[in-house]
Each structure stands twice: as C-alpha cells, then as structure tokens.
Amino acid sequence: MDIRLLALMAPAEGQSGWAGLIPLAMMLGVFYFLLIAPMRRRQRQQQEMIGALKTGDRVVTSGGIYGTIVSIKEDRLTLRIADQVKIEVAKASVSGLDQPPKE
C-alpha cells in the first residue's frame, strides 16, 4: 500500500478517532429517513387496511385477482371472483381495495 494513502486514512494530528464517525452517523441517519421510515409507514398502513376489511369489500390480491369478500376468518378471506366461484386467500395477500373505474 502506498504510504500517502495510509497518511490519508489516519486521523490528522489533534483530531480524535471519534470525528471520523460523524460522517458515518450522518449517512446512517439519511439512510433511515429515506428508506427505513417510509417502508415502516407503508407496512403500518397495509396492516391497518387489512385489519379494517369487512364482508362486501372489493379487493385486489398481490397476484392480481379481483374479488368481493364473502367471509373473513382469522388469517384467511373467502373471495367471490365470479358467479358461483369462491376462493380462499391469505389476508396478507390483499394488496389493496379495488377502486371502481372512473368514467
């Protein structure tokens, strides 16, 4: 390794080793506020939406299946996706409420 590179990596005279942690702490703070906090907020909103589901709601699953909730069990939903066609899906697979198309 080049001696000049080692000199750049070492703390300057009079500067403590803790001063090098300040930029790292700032980067971690930015990382938290740009990535982790919004992800937690979306996850909380998703859980609230799933908790508020009721019979008769039109939903879309993460697999792209549209249906109307017929019954709700502890961790499953029964969806009517067509006349006389019902399927059972996990509550966690619901990605959102189905919005009626705007004309």
N, C-alpha and C. Protein backbone atom coordinates (compact mmCIF):
# COMPACT_ATOMS: atom_id res chain seq x y z
N MET A 1 0.83 -1.16 0.00
CA MET A 1 0.00 0.00 0.00
C MET A 1 0.88 1.24 0.00
N ASP A 2 0.46 2.23 -0.70
CA ASP A 2 1.22 3.47 -0.81
C ASP A 2 1.18 4.22 0.53
N ILE A 3 2.28 4.76 0.93
CA ILE A 3 2.40 5.49 2.19
C ILE A 3 1.52 6.72 2.21
N ARG A 4 1.31 7.34 1.06
CA ARG A 4 0.46 8.52 1.01
C ARG A 4 -0.99 8.15 1.30
N LEU A 5 -1.43 6.98 0.83
CA LEU A 5 -2.79 6.52 1.09
C LEU A 5 -2.99 6.25 2.57
N LEU A 6 -2.00 5.66 3.20
CA LEU A 6 -2.09 5.40 4.64
C LEU A 6 -2.16 6.70 5.42
N ALA A 7 -1.46 7.71 4.97
CA ALA A 7 -1.47 9.00 5.64
C ALA A 7 -2.86 9.64 5.54
N LEU A 8 -3.55 9.42 4.42
CA LEU A 8 -4.89 9.98 4.26
C LEU A 8 -5.90 9.26 5.15
N MET A 9 -5.70 7.98 5.39
CA MET A 9 -6.63 7.19 6.18
C MET A 9 -6.46 7.43 7.68
N ALA A 10 -5.31 7.82 8.12
CA ALA A 10 -5.04 8.06 9.54
C ALA A 10 -5.64 9.40 9.95
N PRO A 11 -6.10 9.50 11.19
CA PRO A 11 -6.63 10.79 11.64
C PRO A 11 -5.53 11.85 11.71
N ALA A 12 -5.90 13.06 11.41
CA ALA A 12 -4.93 14.16 11.44
C ALA A 12 -4.52 14.44 12.89
N GLU A 13 -3.40 15.12 13.03
CA GLU A 13 -2.93 15.46 14.38
C GLU A 13 -3.96 16.34 15.08
N GLY A 14 -4.25 16.02 16.34
CA GLY A 14 -5.20 16.81 17.09
C GLY A 14 -6.65 16.41 16.84
N GLN A 15 -6.87 15.47 15.94
CA GLN A 15 -8.23 15.04 15.63
C GLN A 15 -8.43 13.66 16.24
N SER A 16 -9.51 13.49 16.98
CA SER A 16 -9.74 12.20 17.62
C SER A 16 -10.34 11.22 16.62
N GLY A 17 -10.32 9.96 16.97
CA GLY A 17 -10.90 8.92 16.12
C GLY A 17 -12.42 9.02 16.03
N TRP A 18 -13.02 9.69 17.02
CA TRP A 18 -14.48 9.83 17.03
C TRP A 18 -14.97 10.76 15.93
N ALA A 19 -14.14 11.68 15.51
CA ALA A 19 -14.55 12.63 14.46
C ALA A 19 -14.81 11.91 13.15
N GLY A 20 -14.17 10.79 12.94
CA GLY A 20 -14.41 10.01 11.73
C GLY A 20 -15.76 9.31 11.73
N LEU A 21 -16.38 9.17 12.90
CA LEU A 21 -17.69 8.51 12.99
C LEU A 21 -18.85 9.45 12.66
N ILE A 22 -18.59 10.74 12.68
CA ILE A 22 -19.66 11.70 12.41
C ILE A 22 -20.23 11.53 11.00
N PRO A 23 -19.40 11.45 9.95
CA PRO A 23 -19.97 11.24 8.62
C PRO A 23 -20.73 9.91 8.51
N LEU A 24 -20.24 8.87 9.17
CA LEU A 24 -20.92 7.58 9.15
C LEU A 24 -22.28 7.68 9.82
N ALA A 25 -22.35 8.37 10.94
CA ALA A 25 -23.62 8.56 11.64
C ALA A 25 -24.59 9.37 10.79
N MET A 26 -24.08 10.36 10.09
CA MET A 26 -24.94 11.16 9.21
C MET A 26 -25.48 10.32 8.07
N MET A 27 -24.65 9.46 7.50
CA MET A 27 -25.10 8.59 6.41
C MET A 27 -26.17 7.62 6.91
N LEU A 28 -25.98 7.08 8.11
CA LEU A 28 -26.98 6.18 8.67
C LEU A 28 -28.30 6.91 8.92
N GLY A 29 -28.23 8.14 9.37
CA GLY A 29 -29.44 8.93 9.58
C GLY A 29 -30.19 9.18 8.29
N VAL A 30 -29.47 9.53 7.24
CA VAL A 30 -30.09 9.76 5.94
C VAL A 30 -30.69 8.45 5.42
N PHE A 31 -29.98 7.36 5.56
CA PHE A 31 -30.47 6.05 5.14
C PHE A 31 -31.77 5.72 5.86
N TYR A 32 -31.83 5.98 7.17
CA TYR A 32 -33.03 5.69 7.94
C TYR A 32 -34.21 6.51 7.42
N PHE A 33 -34.02 7.83 7.26
CA PHE A 33 -35.14 8.69 6.88
C PHE A 33 -35.56 8.52 5.43
N LEU A 34 -34.67 8.07 4.55
CA LEU A 34 -35.05 7.89 3.15
C LEU A 34 -35.58 6.49 2.83
N LEU A 35 -35.14 5.48 3.58
CA LEU A 35 -35.54 4.11 3.25
C LEU A 35 -36.36 3.42 4.33
N ILE A 36 -35.87 3.39 5.53
CA ILE A 36 -36.50 2.59 6.57
C ILE A 36 -37.81 3.20 7.06
N ALA A 37 -37.83 4.48 7.36
CA ALA A 37 -39.04 5.11 7.89
C ALA A 37 -40.22 5.03 6.90
N PRO A 38 -40.04 5.35 5.61
CA PRO A 38 -41.17 5.23 4.69
C PRO A 38 -41.65 3.77 4.53
N MET A 39 -40.72 2.82 4.57
CA MET A 39 -41.11 1.42 4.45
C MET A 39 -41.95 1.00 5.65
N ARG A 40 -41.58 1.42 6.85
CA ARG A 40 -42.35 1.10 8.04
C ARG A 40 -43.74 1.75 7.99
N ARG A 41 -43.81 2.98 7.47
CA ARG A 41 -45.08 3.68 7.35
C ARG A 41 -46.01 2.93 6.40
N ARG A 42 -45.49 2.51 5.24
CA ARG A 42 -46.31 1.75 4.27
C ARG A 42 -46.78 0.43 4.87
N GLN A 43 -45.90 -0.23 5.60
CA GLN A 43 -46.25 -1.51 6.22
C GLN A 43 -47.35 -1.31 7.27
N ARG A 44 -47.28 -0.25 8.04
CA ARG A 44 -48.30 0.04 9.05
C ARG A 44 -49.64 0.34 8.37
N GLN A 45 -49.62 1.12 7.27
CA GLN A 45 -50.84 1.42 6.54
C GLN A 45 -51.47 0.15 5.97
N GLN A 46 -50.63 -0.76 5.45
CA GLN A 46 -51.11 -2.02 4.90
C GLN A 46 -51.78 -2.85 5.99
N GLN A 47 -51.17 -2.93 7.17
CA GLN A 47 -51.75 -3.69 8.28
C GLN A 47 -53.08 -3.08 8.73
N GLU A 48 -53.16 -1.75 8.77
CA GLU A 48 -54.41 -1.09 9.15
C GLU A 48 -55.50 -1.38 8.13
N MET A 49 -55.15 -1.35 6.84
CA MET A 49 -56.13 -1.63 5.79
C MET A 49 -56.63 -3.07 5.90
N ILE A 50 -55.73 -4.02 6.13
CA ILE A 50 -56.13 -5.43 6.26
C ILE A 50 -57.01 -5.61 7.50
N GLY A 51 -56.68 -4.93 8.58
CA GLY A 51 -57.47 -5.04 9.79
C GLY A 51 -58.87 -4.46 9.66
N ALA A 52 -59.06 -3.51 8.75
CA ALA A 52 -60.34 -2.85 8.57
C ALA A 52 -61.21 -3.51 7.50
N LEU A 53 -60.76 -4.60 6.89
CA LEU A 53 -61.55 -5.26 5.85
C LEU A 53 -62.83 -5.83 6.45
N LYS A 54 -63.90 -5.78 5.64
CA LYS A 54 -65.18 -6.32 6.09
C LYS A 54 -65.87 -7.01 4.91
N THR A 55 -66.84 -7.82 5.23
CA THR A 55 -67.60 -8.54 4.21
C THR A 55 -68.23 -7.53 3.25
N GLY A 56 -68.11 -7.82 1.97
CA GLY A 56 -68.67 -6.95 0.94
C GLY A 56 -67.65 -6.02 0.30
N ASP A 57 -66.48 -5.87 0.89
CA ASP A 57 -65.43 -5.03 0.30
C ASP A 57 -64.89 -5.68 -0.97
N ARG A 58 -64.63 -4.86 -1.98
CA ARG A 58 -63.97 -5.35 -3.20
C ARG A 58 -62.48 -5.12 -3.03
N VAL A 59 -61.69 -6.18 -3.23
CA VAL A 59 -60.25 -6.11 -3.02
C VAL A 59 -59.51 -6.67 -4.22
N VAL A 60 -58.21 -6.38 -4.25
CA VAL A 60 -57.32 -6.97 -5.24
C VAL A 60 -56.17 -7.62 -4.47
N THR A 61 -55.80 -8.83 -4.88
CA THR A 61 -54.71 -9.53 -4.20
C THR A 61 -53.39 -9.20 -4.85
N SER A 62 -52.31 -9.60 -4.20
CA SER A 62 -50.98 -9.34 -4.77
C SER A 62 -50.78 -10.12 -6.06
N GLY A 63 -51.56 -11.16 -6.29
CA GLY A 63 -51.47 -11.92 -7.53
C GLY A 63 -52.32 -11.34 -8.65
N GLY A 64 -53.06 -10.26 -8.36
CA GLY A 64 -53.86 -9.59 -9.37
C GLY A 64 -55.28 -10.12 -9.48
N ILE A 65 -55.76 -10.84 -8.49
CA ILE A 65 -57.12 -11.38 -8.51
C ILE A 65 -58.04 -10.37 -7.84
N TYR A 66 -59.10 -9.99 -8.56
CA TYR A 66 -60.10 -9.08 -8.04
C TYR A 66 -61.27 -9.89 -7.51
N GLY A 67 -61.81 -9.50 -6.36
CA GLY A 67 -62.95 -10.22 -5.83
C GLY A 67 -63.63 -9.45 -4.72
N THR A 68 -64.76 -10.00 -4.29
CA THR A 68 -65.55 -9.43 -3.20
C THR A 68 -65.45 -10.36 -2.01
N ILE A 69 -65.22 -9.78 -0.84
CA ILE A 69 -65.07 -10.59 0.37
C ILE A 69 -66.43 -11.17 0.75
N VAL A 70 -66.47 -12.51 0.89
CA VAL A 70 -67.69 -13.19 1.30
C VAL A 70 -67.64 -13.52 2.78
N SER A 71 -66.48 -13.98 3.25
CA SER A 71 -66.33 -14.27 4.68
C SER A 71 -64.89 -14.00 5.10
N ILE A 72 -64.75 -13.76 6.39
CA ILE A 72 -63.43 -13.46 6.95
C ILE A 72 -63.18 -14.42 8.10
N LYS A 73 -62.04 -15.09 8.04
CA LYS A 73 -61.60 -15.94 9.15
C LYS A 73 -60.38 -15.28 9.76
N GLU A 74 -59.75 -15.93 10.70
CA GLU A 74 -58.63 -15.33 11.43
C GLU A 74 -57.52 -14.83 10.50
N ASP A 75 -57.04 -15.68 9.61
CA ASP A 75 -55.94 -15.29 8.72
C ASP A 75 -56.26 -15.50 7.25
N ARG A 76 -57.53 -15.75 6.94
CA ARG A 76 -57.94 -16.02 5.55
C ARG A 76 -59.20 -15.25 5.19
N LEU A 77 -59.35 -15.06 3.90
CA LEU A 77 -60.56 -14.44 3.36
C LEU A 77 -61.13 -15.37 2.30
N THR A 78 -62.44 -15.39 2.19
CA THR A 78 -63.07 -16.08 1.08
C THR A 78 -63.54 -15.01 0.12
N LEU A 79 -63.06 -15.07 -1.11
CA LEU A 79 -63.41 -14.09 -2.13
C LEU A 79 -64.32 -14.71 -3.17
N ARG A 80 -65.32 -13.96 -3.60
CA ARG A 80 -66.14 -14.36 -4.74
C ARG A 80 -65.55 -13.63 -5.94
N ILE A 81 -65.02 -14.41 -6.89
CA ILE A 81 -64.37 -13.79 -8.04
C ILE A 81 -65.24 -13.86 -9.28
N ALA A 82 -66.29 -14.68 -9.25
CA ALA A 82 -67.27 -14.77 -10.33
C ALA A 82 -68.51 -15.44 -9.74
N ASP A 83 -69.60 -15.51 -10.51
CA ASP A 83 -70.80 -16.19 -10.02
C ASP A 83 -70.47 -17.63 -9.69
N GLN A 84 -70.81 -18.04 -8.49
CA GLN A 84 -70.60 -19.41 -8.02
C GLN A 84 -69.14 -19.83 -7.96
N VAL A 85 -68.21 -18.87 -7.97
CA VAL A 85 -66.78 -19.19 -7.87
C VAL A 85 -66.20 -18.44 -6.66
N LYS A 86 -65.78 -19.23 -5.67
CA LYS A 86 -65.20 -18.65 -4.46
C LYS A 86 -63.82 -19.26 -4.24
N ILE A 87 -62.90 -18.43 -3.78
CA ILE A 87 -61.56 -18.91 -3.46
C ILE A 87 -61.19 -18.42 -2.07
N GLU A 88 -60.29 -19.13 -1.44
CA GLU A 88 -59.80 -18.75 -0.13
C GLU A 88 -58.36 -18.26 -0.29
N VAL A 89 -58.09 -17.07 0.24
CA VAL A 89 -56.75 -16.50 0.14
C VAL A 89 -56.30 -16.02 1.52
N ALA A 90 -55.02 -15.87 1.68
CA ALA A 90 -54.47 -15.33 2.93
C ALA A 90 -54.77 -13.84 3.01
N LYS A 91 -55.04 -13.36 4.20
CA LYS A 91 -55.28 -11.92 4.39
C LYS A 91 -54.09 -11.10 3.93
N ALA A 92 -52.89 -11.63 4.17
CA ALA A 92 -51.68 -10.90 3.82
C ALA A 92 -51.52 -10.72 2.31
N SER A 93 -52.25 -11.52 1.52
CA SER A 93 -52.12 -11.39 0.06
C SER A 93 -52.94 -10.25 -0.50
N VAL A 94 -53.78 -9.63 0.31
CA VAL A 94 -54.58 -8.49 -0.16
C VAL A 94 -53.67 -7.28 -0.27
N SER A 95 -53.59 -6.73 -1.48
CA SER A 95 -52.70 -5.59 -1.68
C SER A 95 -53.43 -4.26 -1.62
N GLY A 96 -54.75 -4.29 -1.74
CA GLY A 96 -55.48 -3.03 -1.64
C GLY A 96 -56.95 -3.21 -1.95
N LEU A 97 -57.68 -2.13 -1.74
CA LEU A 97 -59.10 -2.12 -2.08
C LEU A 97 -59.23 -1.82 -3.57
N ASP A 98 -60.22 -2.44 -4.20
CA ASP A 98 -60.47 -2.22 -5.62
C ASP A 98 -61.23 -0.91 -5.80
N GLN A 99 -60.67 -0.03 -6.56
CA GLN A 99 -61.31 1.25 -6.84
C GLN A 99 -62.16 1.11 -8.09
N PRO A 100 -63.42 1.56 -8.06
CA PRO A 100 -64.24 1.47 -9.27
C PRO A 100 -63.65 2.36 -10.37
N PRO A 101 -63.74 1.91 -11.62
CA PRO A 101 -63.15 2.71 -12.71
C PRO A 101 -63.86 4.04 -12.85
N LYS A 102 -63.07 5.09 -13.13
CA LYS A 102 -63.63 6.43 -13.31
C LYS A 102 -63.94 6.62 -14.78
N GLU A 103 -65.09 7.24 -15.03
CA GLU A 103 -65.51 7.44 -16.43
C GLU A 103 -65.21 8.83 -16.90
